Amino acid sequence: MLNMDKVVVLTGFEPYDDFLVNPSWEAVKAFGNEKAGLYNVKVFKIPLIYKEIKPTITRIIDDESLGALISFGQSYRPVISLEKVAINYADLTEAAVLYNCGTRPKDEILEPNAPIAYSTKLSIRKILNQLRKSNIPAEISYSAGTFGCNQLFYNMMHKLGSERLDIPAGFIHVPSLPSQVAKLQREKNLKLPSMNLETTIKAIKIVIETTLEDI
C-alpha cells in the first residue's frame, strides 16, 4: 500500500531570460502524479521572482506532508551538479541575467540573524555514485551561486531547520537543453554544454530512488 500520508516533493524553476523552457521544470513535471516506492510524488513550479521564492517554498513545506523535498534548477555546467551548501546571500551585481521581475540584489542577506550556510540533507555521495554507475556525468558542487537557485536552496533549508523537520532535502542543478544551447550559439555565439531531456529525467529518477533508501 502507498504511504498516503507522505509525499516526495520535486520542484523546478520557470523559464528565465528569453528562454521558453527551463530543463529543471521540463524534467520534474514528467514525475507529476507518479509514485516512487511507497510514496506519491508531487511537482511544483517555482517562480524566478525575488520576492516570491521564499513564500512559494514556505507554502509548499507548510501544506505538504513531506517525505522528501528535492529542488532542481538550470545551470550552464556540463554535468548534474549535486549542491552541497546553500549560503545566506544573494548578489547579481555583475550578472548578465536577472530575476524575471528585473531584480538585481546586491550584497543581500536572505535571512537576517540566520546561519551563514546550510548543508544539504541528501546523500549526495551515494547519489553521485549511482549516477556515474548509470553513465550519467555528475559532480558534487560546493557553490550553488548567488542567484535564484541558491536563494531557493537556502530558504527551504532554513525553513526545514527552523521547524526541525528532519527529512532528506536539497538542491540539484541540471544542464541546459540542446535547444537552449543552439539558441545561444545562433544568437550570441556562445558554445555551452547541454544534456538531453531524457537523460535528465533518468538522472532525477535515480536521485529519487537513491533518496528513498534513506527514508
Protein backbone atom coordinates (compact mmCIF):
# COMPACT_ATOMS: atom_id res chain seq x y z
CA MET A 1 0.00 0.00 0.00
CA LEU A 2 1.09 3.56 -0.67
CA ASN A 3 2.09 5.78 2.22
CA MET A 4 -0.64 8.33 1.51
CA ASP A 5 0.46 10.48 4.44
CA LYS A 6 3.86 11.35 2.95
CA VAL A 7 4.89 12.72 -0.42
CA VAL A 8 8.11 13.23 -2.32
CA VAL A 9 8.03 16.85 -3.50
CA LEU A 10 10.04 17.89 -6.54
CA THR A 11 10.38 21.49 -7.67
CA GLY A 12 11.71 23.07 -10.86
CA PHE A 13 12.03 26.67 -11.96
CA GLU A 14 10.03 28.54 -14.57
CA PRO A 15 11.89 29.72 -17.71
CA TYR A 16 14.07 32.80 -17.40
CA ASP A 17 15.97 35.27 -19.57
CA ASP A 18 14.42 34.88 -23.03
CA PHE A 19 14.10 31.10 -22.95
CA LEU A 20 10.69 29.46 -23.37
CA VAL A 21 11.67 26.39 -21.35
CA ASN A 22 13.67 25.51 -18.25
CA PRO A 23 15.12 21.97 -18.16
CA SER A 24 14.58 21.71 -14.41
CA TRP A 25 10.83 22.10 -14.81
CA GLU A 26 10.60 20.14 -18.07
CA ALA A 27 12.23 17.17 -16.35
CA VAL A 28 10.45 17.48 -13.00
CA LYS A 29 6.98 17.72 -14.50
CA ALA A 30 7.45 14.27 -16.03
CA PHE A 31 7.02 12.91 -12.49
CA GLY A 32 3.68 14.61 -11.80
CA ASN A 33 1.12 12.18 -10.38
CA GLU A 34 3.75 9.43 -10.35
CA LYS A 35 4.61 7.10 -7.49
CA ALA A 36 8.03 6.41 -6.04
CA GLY A 37 8.20 3.32 -3.89
CA LEU A 38 5.54 3.73 -1.20
CA TYR A 39 5.28 7.49 -1.77
CA ASN A 40 3.27 9.70 -4.05
CA VAL A 41 5.21 12.35 -5.97
CA LYS A 42 4.09 15.96 -6.28
CA VAL A 43 5.73 18.56 -8.51
CA PHE A 44 5.73 22.35 -8.23
CA LYS A 45 6.98 25.11 -10.49
CA ILE A 46 8.93 27.84 -8.68
CA PRO A 47 8.70 31.45 -9.97
CA LEU A 48 12.07 33.08 -10.61
CA ILE A 49 10.86 36.23 -8.86
CA TYR A 50 12.93 37.51 -5.96
CA LYS A 51 10.10 38.19 -3.51
CA GLU A 52 8.06 35.12 -4.46
CA ILE A 53 10.59 32.32 -3.99
CA LYS A 54 10.50 32.27 -0.19
CA PRO A 55 6.70 32.39 0.21
CA THR A 56 6.29 29.77 -2.51
CA ILE A 57 8.61 27.21 -0.91
CA THR A 58 7.30 28.08 2.55
CA ARG A 59 3.74 27.36 1.43
CA ILE A 60 4.78 24.04 -0.10
CA ILE A 61 6.51 22.95 3.09
CA ASP A 62 3.56 24.06 5.23
CA ASP A 63 0.93 22.41 3.03
CA GLU A 64 2.55 19.07 2.22
CA SER A 65 3.31 16.12 4.46
CA LEU A 66 6.87 15.77 3.29
CA GLY A 67 8.77 12.53 2.99
CA ALA A 68 11.48 14.24 0.93
CA LEU A 69 11.99 17.59 -0.81
CA ILE A 70 14.29 17.80 -3.83
CA SER A 71 14.60 21.01 -5.83
CA PHE A 72 16.15 21.46 -9.26
CA GLY A 73 17.41 24.38 -11.31
CA GLN A 74 19.24 25.05 -14.56
CA SER A 75 22.96 25.70 -14.92
CA TYR A 76 25.37 26.10 -17.83
CA ARG A 77 27.52 23.28 -16.44
CA PRO A 78 28.18 20.06 -18.38
CA VAL A 79 27.05 17.66 -15.62
CA ILE A 80 24.40 17.05 -12.97
CA SER A 81 25.58 19.17 -10.03
CA LEU A 82 24.66 17.92 -6.57
CA GLU A 83 24.81 21.03 -4.42
CA LYS A 84 26.45 20.65 -1.02
CA VAL A 85 25.92 24.11 0.53
CA ALA A 86 23.38 26.95 0.44
CA ILE A 87 24.62 30.37 1.55
CA ASN A 88 22.71 33.22 3.18
CA TYR A 89 23.46 35.62 0.38
CA ALA A 90 22.12 36.98 -2.92
CA ASP A 91 24.12 39.08 -5.33
CA LEU A 92 23.73 39.82 -9.05
CA THR A 93 25.87 42.97 -9.12
CA GLU A 94 27.84 41.85 -12.17
CA ALA A 95 25.42 39.29 -13.60
CA ALA A 96 24.11 39.46 -17.16
CA VAL A 97 20.87 37.61 -16.27
CA LEU A 98 18.41 38.95 -13.70
CA TYR A 99 15.34 37.62 -11.94
CA ASN A 100 12.23 37.60 -14.15
CA CYS A 101 10.99 40.59 -12.15
CA GLY A 102 14.13 42.54 -13.07
CA THR A 103 15.52 42.48 -9.53
CA ARG A 104 19.28 42.80 -9.15
CA PRO A 105 20.14 42.12 -5.48
CA LYS A 106 23.45 43.48 -4.26
CA ASP A 107 25.05 42.01 -1.13
CA GLU A 108 21.60 40.95 0.12
CA ILE A 109 21.18 38.74 3.19
CA LEU A 110 18.38 36.24 2.56
CA GLU A 111 17.51 35.51 6.19
CA PRO A 112 18.55 38.07 8.87
CA ASN A 113 20.01 36.61 12.07
CA ALA A 114 20.25 33.18 10.48
CA PRO A 115 23.20 30.83 9.83
CA ILE A 116 25.59 31.81 7.07
CA ALA A 117 25.08 28.43 5.40
CA TYR A 118 23.20 25.14 5.43
CA SER A 119 24.35 21.76 4.14
CA THR A 120 22.19 19.51 2.01
CA LYS A 121 20.28 16.69 3.68
CA LEU A 122 20.55 14.49 0.61
CA SER A 123 23.05 11.63 0.49
CA ILE A 124 24.85 13.27 -2.39
CA ARG A 125 27.90 10.99 -2.34
CA LYS A 126 25.63 7.96 -2.72
CA ILE A 127 23.61 9.72 -5.43
CA LEU A 128 26.82 10.67 -7.23
CA ASN A 129 27.96 7.07 -7.33
CA GLN A 130 24.61 5.81 -8.61
CA LEU A 131 24.51 8.44 -11.37
CA ARG A 132 28.01 7.60 -12.53
CA LYS A 133 27.24 3.87 -12.46
CA SER A 134 24.41 4.67 -14.87
CA ASN A 135 26.80 6.57 -17.16
CA ILE A 136 25.33 9.95 -16.27
CA PRO A 137 28.00 12.62 -15.71
CA ALA A 138 27.71 14.17 -12.26
CA GLU A 139 29.65 16.10 -9.66
CA ILE A 140 29.39 17.38 -6.11
CA SER A 141 29.32 21.18 -6.23
CA TYR A 142 30.28 23.47 -3.38
CA SER A 143 28.67 26.60 -4.83
CA ALA A 144 25.04 26.97 -5.84
CA GLY A 145 25.77 30.56 -6.87
CA THR A 146 24.09 33.72 -5.57
CA PHE A 147 21.01 33.73 -7.82
CA GLY A 148 17.55 32.17 -7.56
CA CYS A 149 18.75 28.58 -7.21
CA ASN A 150 20.82 29.31 -4.13
CA GLN A 151 18.02 31.52 -2.79
CA LEU A 152 15.51 28.67 -3.03
CA PHE A 153 18.02 26.20 -1.59
CA TYR A 154 18.76 28.44 1.39
CA ASN A 155 15.12 29.41 2.04
CA MET A 156 13.97 25.80 2.08
CA MET A 157 16.82 24.55 4.26
CA HIS A 158 16.29 27.41 6.72
CA LYS A 159 12.57 26.67 6.91
CA LEU A 160 13.18 22.97 7.47
CA GLY A 161 15.91 23.65 10.01
CA SER A 162 13.89 26.23 11.93
CA GLU A 163 11.00 23.79 12.25
CA ARG A 164 13.28 20.82 12.93
CA LEU A 165 11.89 18.85 10.03
CA ASP A 166 14.43 16.08 9.58
CA ILE A 167 13.78 14.89 6.03
CA PRO A 168 16.01 14.31 3.00
CA ALA A 169 16.14 17.67 1.23
CA GLY A 170 18.47 19.51 -1.08
CA PHE A 171 19.12 21.16 -4.41
CA ILE A 172 20.47 19.88 -7.73
CA HIS A 173 21.49 21.77 -10.88
CA VAL A 174 20.83 20.19 -14.27
CA PRO A 175 22.48 21.18 -17.57
CA SER A 176 20.81 23.21 -20.29
CA LEU A 177 18.81 21.58 -23.06
CA PRO A 178 20.33 21.21 -26.54
CA SER A 179 17.69 23.57 -27.96
CA GLN A 180 18.73 26.26 -25.48
CA VAL A 181 22.41 25.89 -26.28
CA ALA A 182 21.69 26.01 -30.01
CA LYS A 183 19.75 29.25 -29.47
CA LEU A 184 22.65 30.79 -27.54
CA GLN A 185 25.06 29.70 -30.24
CA ARG A 186 22.94 31.23 -33.01
CA GLU A 187 22.20 34.48 -31.23
CA LYS A 188 25.27 35.10 -29.07
CA ASN A 189 27.90 32.77 -30.49
CA LEU A 190 28.14 31.05 -27.11
CA LYS A 191 29.27 27.44 -27.12
CA LEU A 192 27.98 25.73 -24.00
CA PRO A 193 27.40 22.12 -22.88
CA SER A 194 23.96 20.51 -22.86
CA MET A 195 22.14 17.37 -21.77
CA ASN A 196 19.10 15.88 -23.48
CA LEU A 197 15.86 15.82 -21.54
CA GLU A 198 15.66 12.02 -21.44
CA THR A 199 19.00 11.79 -19.64
CA THR A 200 18.00 14.48 -17.16
CA ILE A 201 14.74 12.64 -16.41
CA LYS A 202 16.69 9.41 -15.92
CA ALA A 203 19.02 11.24 -13.52
CA ILE A 204 16.12 12.55 -11.46
CA LYS A 205 14.63 9.06 -11.26
CA ILE A 206 17.94 7.82 -9.84
CA VAL A 207 18.03 10.72 -7.38
CA ILE A 208 14.54 9.85 -6.12
CA GLU A 209 15.20 6.12 -5.83
CA THR A 210 18.51 6.65 -4.02
CA THR A 211 16.98 9.22 -1.68
CA LEU A 212 14.11 6.90 -0.75
CA GLU A 213 16.63 4.37 0.51
CA ASP A 214 17.32 6.79 3.38
CA ILE A 215 13.70 7.19 4.44
